[in-house]
Amino acid sequence: MLIPHDTRMALDTVVGLVNTAPEADAGEGAADRLADIGALYDFVRSHNVSGVGDLSQRDLRAVREVRARFTEVFATPDARAAADLINQLVAAAGTTPQLTNHDGYDWHVHYFAPGASVADHLAADCGMALAFMVVAGEQDRLRRCEAPDCGHAFVDLSRNRSRRYCDSRTCGNRLHVAAYRARRKEAAG
């Protein structure tokens, strides 16, 4: 599956945003990783979200609302329902597609209007990346980790759509080791 660089970055951003929600971490007492303005600034910096100025409590609330809608997109197996959610997000963001080349990146499309809030920026750019997945018939690649103690979202970009864990080095490896130990224990009986 060929995904342009800007769409891939937007998919990484939406996954990162969904994974800031407390429900992304299985188990009791999981924390909201967008708990305050400082966390929002950290998120924006770590995901290279461009054109973001001063942030406020209003921005934080709006980004959390966008996050909740993206979380719904990952939860629905139905393309029509996903399309409805994405259409609502993108329309509310007031998309204004424009070609741009900045920060060392070649030409790509931004879907947010100049001066848009960070929430509208995320809703437009990330919403369009999700829209491309639905249009390509690839919505089933939007997944949640199958590890019982993890609920992280991820986009399965493997050729054969076989990825089951958010990170094979952590969740996947931990489950494989546990299964190995259980087999050895049973064999030792």
Protein backbone atom coordinates (compact mmCIF):
# COMPACT_ATOMS: atom_id res chain seq x y z
CA MET A 1 0.00 0.00 0.00
CA LEU A 2 1.54 3.29 -1.11
CA ILE A 3 0.87 6.15 1.28
CA PRO A 4 2.27 9.64 0.64
CA HIS A 5 4.56 11.06 3.32
CA ASP A 6 2.09 13.71 4.53
CA THR A 7 -0.71 11.15 4.86
CA ARG A 8 1.59 8.80 6.75
CA MET A 9 2.56 11.60 9.13
CA ALA A 10 -1.12 12.46 9.67
CA LEU A 11 -1.91 8.79 10.37
CA ASP A 12 0.94 8.68 12.89
CA THR A 13 -0.46 11.83 14.50
CA VAL A 14 -4.01 10.49 14.75
CA VAL A 15 -2.72 7.25 16.27
CA GLY A 16 -0.64 9.26 18.72
CA LEU A 17 -3.66 11.38 19.62
CA VAL A 18 -5.97 8.39 20.13
CA ASN A 19 -3.30 6.77 22.30
CA THR A 20 -3.26 9.75 24.69
CA ALA A 21 -6.72 8.78 25.94
CA PRO A 22 -6.94 6.89 29.24
CA GLU A 23 -8.84 4.04 27.59
CA ALA A 24 -5.84 3.41 25.32
CA ASP A 25 -4.02 1.98 28.33
CA ALA A 26 -5.79 -1.13 29.56
CA GLY A 27 -6.07 -1.41 33.30
CA GLU A 28 -7.41 0.65 36.11
CA GLY A 29 -6.13 4.10 36.86
CA ALA A 30 -4.83 4.85 33.38
CA ALA A 31 -4.00 8.52 33.01
CA ASP A 32 -5.07 10.97 30.34
CA ARG A 33 -1.87 11.93 28.56
CA LEU A 34 -3.52 15.18 27.47
CA ALA A 35 -4.17 16.21 31.05
CA ASP A 36 -3.11 19.83 30.70
CA ILE A 37 -1.86 22.51 28.31
CA GLY A 38 1.76 21.41 28.83
CA ALA A 39 0.87 17.92 27.62
CA LEU A 40 -0.85 19.42 24.58
CA TYR A 41 2.26 21.48 23.76
CA ASP A 42 4.36 18.31 24.13
CA PHE A 43 2.03 16.42 21.80
CA VAL A 44 2.12 19.19 19.18
CA ARG A 45 5.93 19.33 19.33
CA SER A 46 6.46 15.57 19.25
CA HIS A 47 4.20 15.19 16.20
CA ASN A 48 5.57 18.23 14.37
CA VAL A 49 2.15 19.86 14.08
CA SER A 50 2.92 23.05 12.15
CA GLY A 51 1.45 26.51 12.55
CA VAL A 52 0.44 26.19 16.20
CA GLY A 53 0.67 29.32 18.33
CA ASP A 54 -0.41 29.86 21.91
CA LEU A 55 -2.70 27.20 23.32
CA SER A 56 -5.52 27.59 25.84
CA GLN A 57 -7.89 25.48 27.92
CA ARG A 58 -10.38 25.88 25.08
CA ASP A 59 -7.87 24.31 22.68
CA LEU A 60 -7.30 21.46 25.11
CA ARG A 61 -11.04 20.75 25.38
CA ALA A 62 -11.47 20.95 21.60
CA VAL A 63 -8.55 18.57 20.94
CA ARG A 64 -9.97 16.10 23.44
CA GLU A 65 -13.31 16.23 21.56
CA VAL A 66 -11.52 15.56 18.27
CA ARG A 67 -9.65 12.71 19.96
CA ALA A 68 -12.95 11.17 21.09
CA ARG A 69 -14.28 11.26 17.51
CA PHE A 70 -11.09 9.69 16.13
CA THR A 71 -11.38 7.01 18.81
CA GLU A 72 -14.87 6.25 17.49
CA VAL A 73 -13.45 5.85 13.96
CA PHE A 74 -10.99 3.23 15.24
CA ALA A 75 -13.83 1.45 17.07
CA THR A 76 -16.25 1.09 14.19
CA PRO A 77 -15.88 -1.85 11.79
CA ASP A 78 -18.39 -0.25 9.41
CA ALA A 79 -16.98 1.94 6.61
CA ARG A 80 -20.21 3.93 6.32
CA ALA A 81 -20.19 4.79 10.03
CA ALA A 82 -16.50 5.70 9.83
CA ALA A 83 -17.19 7.87 6.78
CA ASP A 84 -20.01 9.69 8.60
CA LEU A 85 -17.75 10.41 11.59
CA ILE A 86 -14.89 11.58 9.37
CA ASN A 87 -17.20 13.74 7.24
CA GLN A 88 -18.53 15.47 10.36
CA LEU A 89 -15.02 16.14 11.68
CA VAL A 90 -13.66 17.45 8.40
CA ALA A 91 -16.72 19.63 7.71
CA ALA A 92 -16.65 21.14 11.20
CA ALA A 93 -12.96 21.97 10.74
CA GLY A 94 -13.74 24.07 7.67
CA THR A 95 -11.20 22.46 5.39
CA THR A 96 -9.31 24.65 2.95
CA PRO A 97 -6.97 22.43 0.93
CA GLN A 98 -3.74 24.15 -0.03
CA LEU A 99 -0.40 23.04 -1.39
CA THR A 100 2.60 23.88 0.77
CA ASN A 101 6.28 23.03 1.18
CA HIS A 102 7.79 23.87 4.54
CA ASP A 103 10.27 22.71 7.15
CA GLY A 104 12.25 20.71 4.60
CA TYR A 105 9.24 18.75 3.31
CA ASP A 106 8.46 18.69 -0.40
CA TRP A 107 5.06 19.73 -1.73
CA HIS A 108 2.12 18.31 0.17
CA VAL A 109 -1.46 19.27 0.97
CA HIS A 110 -2.67 20.89 4.17
CA TYR A 111 -6.40 20.65 4.65
CA PHE A 112 -6.80 23.16 7.47
CA ALA A 113 -7.47 26.84 6.91
CA PRO A 114 -4.64 29.29 7.61
CA GLY A 115 -4.83 30.35 11.25
CA ALA A 116 -7.01 27.35 12.20
CA SER A 117 -7.08 26.19 15.79
CA VAL A 118 -4.99 23.16 16.68
CA ALA A 119 -8.19 21.10 16.99
CA ASP A 120 -9.36 22.12 13.51
CA HIS A 121 -5.86 21.48 12.16
CA LEU A 122 -5.88 17.94 13.58
CA ALA A 123 -9.48 17.28 12.55
CA ALA A 124 -8.83 18.38 8.97
CA ASP A 125 -5.42 16.84 8.26
CA CYS A 126 -5.86 13.66 10.29
CA GLY A 127 -9.49 13.34 9.21
CA MET A 128 -8.45 13.45 5.57
CA ALA A 129 -5.77 10.81 6.18
CA LEU A 130 -8.45 8.56 7.69
CA ALA A 131 -10.74 9.42 4.77
CA PHE A 132 -8.08 8.19 2.34
CA MET A 133 -7.94 4.88 4.24
CA VAL A 134 -11.72 4.46 3.91
CA VAL A 135 -11.69 5.47 0.21
CA ALA A 136 -8.91 2.94 -0.48
CA GLY A 137 -10.97 0.21 1.19
CA GLU A 138 -8.32 -0.05 3.91
CA GLN A 139 -10.35 0.99 6.96
CA ASP A 140 -9.81 -2.46 8.48
CA ARG A 141 -6.14 -1.50 8.87
CA LEU A 142 -7.17 0.88 11.68
CA ARG A 143 -6.76 -1.42 14.65
CA ARG A 144 -6.33 -1.82 18.37
CA CYS A 145 -3.57 -3.88 19.93
CA GLU A 146 -4.69 -7.43 20.73
CA ALA A 147 -2.53 -7.69 23.85
CA PRO A 148 -4.95 -8.05 26.78
CA ASP A 149 -3.19 -5.38 28.84
CA CYS A 150 -2.94 -2.86 25.99
CA GLY A 151 -5.50 -0.89 24.04
CA HIS A 152 -3.27 1.23 21.83
CA ALA A 153 -4.42 2.14 18.36
CA PHE A 154 -2.22 1.54 15.33
CA VAL A 155 -2.42 1.43 11.54
CA ASP A 156 -1.48 -1.98 10.13
CA LEU A 157 0.66 -1.21 7.11
CA SER A 158 1.97 -4.76 6.73
CA ARG A 159 1.61 -6.27 3.28
CA ASN A 160 -0.61 -9.12 4.38
CA ARG A 161 -2.58 -7.18 7.02
CA SER A 162 -1.32 -9.51 9.73
CA ARG A 163 -0.14 -7.09 12.40
CA ARG A 164 -1.85 -7.79 15.74
CA TYR A 165 0.11 -5.70 18.23
CA CYS A 166 0.89 -2.00 18.50
CA ASP A 167 4.56 -2.89 18.90
CA SER A 168 5.94 -6.34 18.24
CA ARG A 169 8.98 -5.65 20.44
CA THR A 170 6.85 -4.98 23.51
CA CYS A 171 3.30 -6.32 23.36
CA GLY A 172 3.97 -9.02 20.78
CA ASN A 173 7.16 -10.23 22.38
CA ARG A 174 5.64 -10.21 25.88
CA LEU A 175 2.74 -12.41 24.74
CA HIS A 176 4.99 -14.78 22.81
CA VAL A 177 7.26 -15.22 25.85
CA ALA A 178 4.23 -15.83 28.09
CA ALA A 179 2.89 -18.45 25.66
CA TYR A 180 6.31 -20.13 25.50
CA ARG A 181 6.55 -20.25 29.29
CA ALA A 182 3.04 -21.68 29.56
CA ARG A 183 3.92 -24.44 27.04
CA ARG A 184 7.12 -25.29 28.93
CA LYS A 185 5.27 -25.36 32.24
CA GLU A 186 2.59 -27.64 30.77
CA ALA A 187 5.20 -29.94 29.22
CA ALA A 188 7.05 -30.16 32.54
CA GLY A 189 3.70 -30.88 34.08
